[in-house]
Amino acid sequence: MASSNEVKSIRASLKKLGLSNRDVSVRETFGGFSSMIRIEIKNDKANELRTEIDSIAKSEEFYERDERTQEILSGGNTFITVSTSNDFQEELYQRTQNS
């Protein structure tokens, strides 16, 4: 399972990029024996750094696969998603409509 250390590590990496909790949110949830970390982009500043944010997420994600079937094994996995917030998506949509 993801520990708060992984979340802290992600937040520290995002901070090095100059991003704060106003730019991105990092949330951890647990389901079964695995955990999910969600990184949500909230504004243009963070959106411009999307590639770097994806790299941070990829470096912290962890899951094990069966050697033969390549299926993801249950338990002890950390999945990370990067997405844009609904409010920011709406803002981007409004900008395209007003252009």
N, C-alpha and C. Protein backbone atom coordinates (compact mmCIF):
# COMPACT_ATOMS: atom_id res chain seq x y z
N MET A 1 0.82 -1.18 0.00
CA MET A 1 0.00 0.00 0.00
C MET A 1 0.86 1.24 0.00
N ALA A 2 0.33 2.27 -0.58
CA ALA A 2 1.06 3.53 -0.58
C ALA A 2 1.09 4.08 0.83
N SER A 3 2.22 4.59 1.16
CA SER A 3 2.32 5.21 2.47
C SER A 3 2.26 6.71 2.28
N SER A 4 2.10 7.40 3.38
CA SER A 4 2.08 8.85 3.28
C SER A 4 3.42 9.37 2.78
N ASN A 5 4.48 8.54 2.89
CA ASN A 5 5.79 8.95 2.38
C ASN A 5 5.77 9.13 0.86
N GLU A 6 5.03 8.29 0.16
CA GLU A 6 4.93 8.44 -1.29
C GLU A 6 4.19 9.71 -1.66
N VAL A 7 3.13 10.00 -0.93
CA VAL A 7 2.38 11.24 -1.18
C VAL A 7 3.27 12.45 -0.86
N LYS A 8 4.01 12.36 0.24
CA LYS A 8 4.92 13.46 0.59
C LYS A 8 5.99 13.64 -0.48
N SER A 9 6.48 12.52 -1.00
CA SER A 9 7.49 12.58 -2.05
C SER A 9 6.94 13.26 -3.31
N ILE A 10 5.71 12.91 -3.68
CA ILE A 10 5.08 13.52 -4.85
C ILE A 10 4.89 15.02 -4.61
N ARG A 11 4.39 15.37 -3.46
CA ARG A 11 4.19 16.79 -3.15
C ARG A 11 5.51 17.56 -3.16
N ALA A 12 6.57 16.95 -2.62
CA ALA A 12 7.88 17.61 -2.63
C ALA A 12 8.39 17.81 -4.06
N SER A 13 8.18 16.80 -4.91
CA SER A 13 8.60 16.92 -6.31
C SER A 13 7.81 18.00 -7.03
N LEU A 14 6.51 18.07 -6.75
CA LEU A 14 5.69 19.11 -7.36
C LEU A 14 6.10 20.49 -6.87
N LYS A 15 6.46 20.58 -5.62
CA LYS A 15 6.91 21.85 -5.05
C LYS A 15 8.19 22.31 -5.73
N LYS A 16 9.09 21.38 -6.05
CA LYS A 16 10.33 21.71 -6.75
C LYS A 16 10.03 22.30 -8.14
N LEU A 17 8.90 21.89 -8.71
CA LEU A 17 8.48 22.44 -10.00
C LEU A 17 7.85 23.82 -9.85
N GLY A 18 7.65 24.25 -8.59
CA GLY A 18 7.04 25.54 -8.33
C GLY A 18 5.53 25.47 -8.20
N LEU A 19 4.99 24.28 -7.98
CA LEU A 19 3.54 24.10 -7.88
C LEU A 19 3.12 23.98 -6.42
N SER A 20 1.99 24.58 -6.10
CA SER A 20 1.45 24.50 -4.74
C SER A 20 0.10 23.77 -4.79
N ASN A 21 -0.55 23.69 -3.63
CA ASN A 21 -1.86 23.02 -3.59
C ASN A 21 -2.93 23.83 -4.31
N ARG A 22 -2.64 25.06 -4.66
CA ARG A 22 -3.57 25.84 -5.49
C ARG A 22 -3.48 25.44 -6.96
N ASP A 23 -2.35 24.82 -7.32
CA ASP A 23 -2.12 24.41 -8.70
C ASP A 23 -2.50 22.95 -8.95
N VAL A 24 -2.21 22.10 -7.97
CA VAL A 24 -2.50 20.66 -8.08
C VAL A 24 -2.96 20.13 -6.72
N SER A 25 -3.78 19.11 -6.75
CA SER A 25 -4.12 18.43 -5.49
C SER A 25 -3.62 17.00 -5.58
N VAL A 26 -3.18 16.47 -4.45
CA VAL A 26 -2.70 15.10 -4.37
C VAL A 26 -3.50 14.43 -3.27
N ARG A 27 -4.26 13.40 -3.66
CA ARG A 27 -5.09 12.68 -2.70
C ARG A 27 -4.80 11.19 -2.78
N GLU A 28 -4.87 10.57 -1.62
CA GLU A 28 -4.65 9.13 -1.54
C GLU A 28 -5.90 8.44 -1.03
N THR A 29 -6.29 7.36 -1.69
CA THR A 29 -7.42 6.56 -1.23
C THR A 29 -6.98 5.09 -1.23
N PHE A 30 -7.67 4.32 -0.43
CA PHE A 30 -7.35 2.90 -0.32
C PHE A 30 -8.55 2.08 -0.78
N GLY A 31 -8.27 0.99 -1.47
CA GLY A 31 -9.32 0.08 -1.89
C GLY A 31 -8.80 -1.34 -1.81
N GLY A 32 -9.35 -2.11 -0.93
CA GLY A 32 -8.83 -3.46 -0.76
C GLY A 32 -7.43 -3.41 -0.18
N PHE A 33 -6.51 -4.06 -0.86
CA PHE A 33 -5.13 -4.09 -0.40
C PHE A 33 -4.22 -3.19 -1.23
N SER A 34 -4.79 -2.40 -2.09
CA SER A 34 -4.02 -1.49 -2.93
C SER A 34 -4.42 -0.06 -2.62
N SER A 35 -3.66 0.87 -3.14
CA SER A 35 -3.99 2.27 -2.92
C SER A 35 -3.95 3.02 -4.24
N MET A 36 -4.60 4.16 -4.24
CA MET A 36 -4.70 5.01 -5.42
C MET A 36 -4.31 6.41 -5.03
N ILE A 37 -3.40 7.00 -5.77
CA ILE A 37 -3.04 8.40 -5.57
C ILE A 37 -3.55 9.16 -6.78
N ARG A 38 -4.30 10.21 -6.52
CA ARG A 38 -4.87 11.01 -7.60
C ARG A 38 -4.23 12.39 -7.59
N ILE A 39 -3.65 12.75 -8.72
CA ILE A 39 -3.07 14.07 -8.89
C ILE A 39 -4.00 14.82 -9.83
N GLU A 40 -4.51 15.95 -9.36
CA GLU A 40 -5.48 16.71 -10.13
C GLU A 40 -4.93 18.09 -10.47
N ILE A 41 -4.88 18.39 -11.76
CA ILE A 41 -4.38 19.68 -12.25
C ILE A 41 -5.51 20.69 -12.18
N LYS A 42 -5.20 21.87 -11.58
CA LYS A 42 -6.24 22.86 -11.33
C LYS A 42 -6.14 24.12 -12.19
N ASN A 43 -4.98 24.36 -12.83
CA ASN A 43 -4.86 25.62 -13.58
C ASN A 43 -3.83 25.51 -14.69
N ASP A 44 -3.67 26.63 -15.44
CA ASP A 44 -2.75 26.66 -16.57
C ASP A 44 -1.31 26.41 -16.16
N LYS A 45 -0.90 26.97 -15.04
CA LYS A 45 0.48 26.81 -14.57
C LYS A 45 0.83 25.33 -14.46
N ALA A 46 -0.03 24.55 -13.84
CA ALA A 46 0.21 23.11 -13.69
C ALA A 46 0.04 22.39 -15.02
N ASN A 47 -0.91 22.83 -15.82
CA ASN A 47 -1.17 22.18 -17.10
C ASN A 47 0.03 22.30 -18.03
N GLU A 48 0.75 23.41 -17.96
CA GLU A 48 1.95 23.59 -18.78
C GLU A 48 3.05 22.61 -18.38
N LEU A 49 3.00 22.12 -17.15
CA LEU A 49 4.00 21.18 -16.65
C LEU A 49 3.48 19.73 -16.64
N ARG A 50 2.48 19.45 -17.44
CA ARG A 50 1.82 18.14 -17.45
C ARG A 50 2.81 17.00 -17.70
N THR A 51 3.74 17.18 -18.61
CA THR A 51 4.71 16.12 -18.91
C THR A 51 5.55 15.80 -17.69
N GLU A 52 6.00 16.83 -16.98
CA GLU A 52 6.80 16.63 -15.77
C GLU A 52 5.97 15.96 -14.68
N ILE A 53 4.71 16.37 -14.55
CA ILE A 53 3.83 15.77 -13.55
C ILE A 53 3.60 14.29 -13.87
N ASP A 54 3.40 13.97 -15.15
CA ASP A 54 3.24 12.57 -15.55
C ASP A 54 4.49 11.76 -15.22
N SER A 55 5.67 12.35 -15.40
CA SER A 55 6.93 11.66 -15.08
C SER A 55 7.04 11.38 -13.58
N ILE A 56 6.64 12.35 -12.77
CA ILE A 56 6.66 12.16 -11.32
C ILE A 56 5.72 11.03 -10.94
N ALA A 57 4.52 11.03 -11.52
CA ALA A 57 3.54 9.98 -11.22
C ALA A 57 4.09 8.61 -11.63
N LYS A 58 4.67 8.52 -12.79
CA LYS A 58 5.21 7.25 -13.29
C LYS A 58 6.31 6.73 -12.38
N SER A 59 7.14 7.63 -11.85
CA SER A 59 8.25 7.18 -11.01
C SER A 59 7.79 6.66 -9.65
N GLU A 60 6.61 7.10 -9.19
CA GLU A 60 6.10 6.68 -7.88
C GLU A 60 5.11 5.52 -7.96
N GLU A 61 4.60 5.23 -9.15
CA GLU A 61 3.61 4.17 -9.30
C GLU A 61 4.29 2.80 -9.14
N PHE A 62 3.58 1.86 -8.51
CA PHE A 62 4.14 0.53 -8.29
C PHE A 62 3.04 -0.52 -8.35
N TYR A 63 3.26 -1.53 -9.14
CA TYR A 63 2.38 -2.70 -9.14
C TYR A 63 3.17 -3.89 -9.65
N GLU A 64 2.76 -5.07 -9.20
CA GLU A 64 3.44 -6.29 -9.61
C GLU A 64 2.57 -7.08 -10.58
N ARG A 65 3.24 -7.73 -11.51
CA ARG A 65 2.55 -8.55 -12.50
C ARG A 65 2.96 -10.01 -12.36
N ASP A 66 2.04 -10.89 -12.72
CA ASP A 66 2.34 -12.32 -12.79
C ASP A 66 3.37 -12.52 -13.91
N GLU A 67 4.40 -13.30 -13.64
CA GLU A 67 5.46 -13.49 -14.63
C GLU A 67 4.98 -14.17 -15.91
N ARG A 68 4.03 -15.06 -15.78
CA ARG A 68 3.58 -15.81 -16.93
C ARG A 68 2.46 -15.12 -17.70
N THR A 69 1.43 -14.67 -16.99
CA THR A 69 0.25 -14.11 -17.67
C THR A 69 0.30 -12.59 -17.80
N GLN A 70 1.20 -11.93 -17.06
CA GLN A 70 1.32 -10.48 -17.04
C GLN A 70 0.10 -9.77 -16.44
N GLU A 71 -0.75 -10.53 -15.75
CA GLU A 71 -1.88 -9.91 -15.04
C GLU A 71 -1.35 -9.18 -13.82
N ILE A 72 -1.99 -8.08 -13.46
CA ILE A 72 -1.61 -7.33 -12.27
C ILE A 72 -2.06 -8.13 -11.05
N LEU A 73 -1.14 -8.35 -10.13
CA LEU A 73 -1.44 -9.12 -8.93
C LEU A 73 -2.19 -8.26 -7.92
N SER A 74 -3.01 -8.90 -7.11
CA SER A 74 -3.79 -8.20 -6.09
C SER A 74 -2.93 -7.88 -4.88
N GLY A 75 -3.13 -6.71 -4.33
CA GLY A 75 -2.51 -6.35 -3.06
C GLY A 75 -1.16 -5.69 -3.19
N GLY A 76 -0.95 -4.66 -2.39
CA GLY A 76 0.33 -3.98 -2.31
C GLY A 76 0.65 -3.08 -3.47
N ASN A 77 -0.31 -2.80 -4.32
CA ASN A 77 -0.09 -1.98 -5.49
C ASN A 77 -0.39 -0.51 -5.19
N THR A 78 0.31 0.37 -5.90
CA THR A 78 0.05 1.80 -5.82
C THR A 78 -0.19 2.29 -7.24
N PHE A 79 -1.42 2.71 -7.51
CA PHE A 79 -1.79 3.23 -8.82
C PHE A 79 -1.89 4.74 -8.72
N ILE A 80 -1.41 5.44 -9.74
CA ILE A 80 -1.45 6.90 -9.73
C ILE A 80 -2.10 7.38 -11.02
N THR A 81 -3.05 8.30 -10.87
CA THR A 81 -3.69 8.91 -12.04
C THR A 81 -3.41 10.41 -12.01
N VAL A 82 -3.29 10.98 -13.20
CA VAL A 82 -3.14 12.42 -13.35
C VAL A 82 -4.29 12.88 -14.23
N SER A 83 -5.05 13.87 -13.75
CA SER A 83 -6.19 14.36 -14.52
C SER A 83 -6.36 15.86 -14.26
N THR A 84 -7.24 16.47 -15.03
CA THR A 84 -7.57 17.88 -14.80
C THR A 84 -8.87 17.95 -14.01
N SER A 85 -8.98 18.96 -13.17
CA SER A 85 -10.18 19.11 -12.35
C SER A 85 -11.36 19.50 -13.24
N ASN A 86 -12.55 19.20 -12.79
CA ASN A 86 -13.75 19.55 -13.55
C ASN A 86 -13.87 21.06 -13.73
N ASP A 87 -13.53 21.83 -12.71
CA ASP A 87 -13.59 23.29 -12.81
C ASP A 87 -12.63 23.80 -13.88
N PHE A 88 -11.42 23.25 -13.91
CA PHE A 88 -10.45 23.68 -14.91
C PHE A 88 -10.88 23.26 -16.31
N GLN A 89 -11.45 22.07 -16.44
CA GLN A 89 -11.97 21.63 -17.75
C GLN A 89 -13.05 22.58 -18.23
N GLU A 90 -13.94 22.98 -17.32
CA GLU A 90 -15.00 23.92 -17.68
C GLU A 90 -14.41 25.27 -18.11
N GLU A 91 -13.40 25.71 -17.38
CA GLU A 91 -12.74 26.98 -17.72
C GLU A 91 -12.12 26.90 -19.12
N LEU A 92 -11.45 25.80 -19.42
CA LEU A 92 -10.85 25.63 -20.75
C LEU A 92 -11.93 25.59 -21.84
N TYR A 93 -13.03 24.93 -21.54
CA TYR A 93 -14.14 24.87 -22.49
C TYR A 93 -14.70 26.27 -22.76
N GLN A 94 -14.89 27.04 -21.70
CA GLN A 94 -15.43 28.41 -21.85
C GLN A 94 -14.49 29.27 -22.67
N ARG A 95 -13.19 29.09 -22.48
CA ARG A 95 -12.22 29.88 -23.26
C ARG A 95 -12.33 29.56 -24.74
N THR A 96 -12.51 28.27 -25.08
CA THR A 96 -12.62 27.92 -26.49
C THR A 96 -13.91 28.44 -27.10
N GLN A 97 -14.96 28.52 -26.31
CA GLN A 97 -16.24 29.02 -26.80
C GLN A 97 -16.21 30.53 -27.02
N ASN A 98 -15.41 31.23 -26.21
CA ASN A 98 -15.33 32.69 -26.29
C ASN A 98 -14.28 33.16 -27.28
N SER A 99 -13.53 32.24 -27.88
CA SER A 99 -12.47 32.63 -28.81
C SER A 99 -13.03 32.93 -30.17
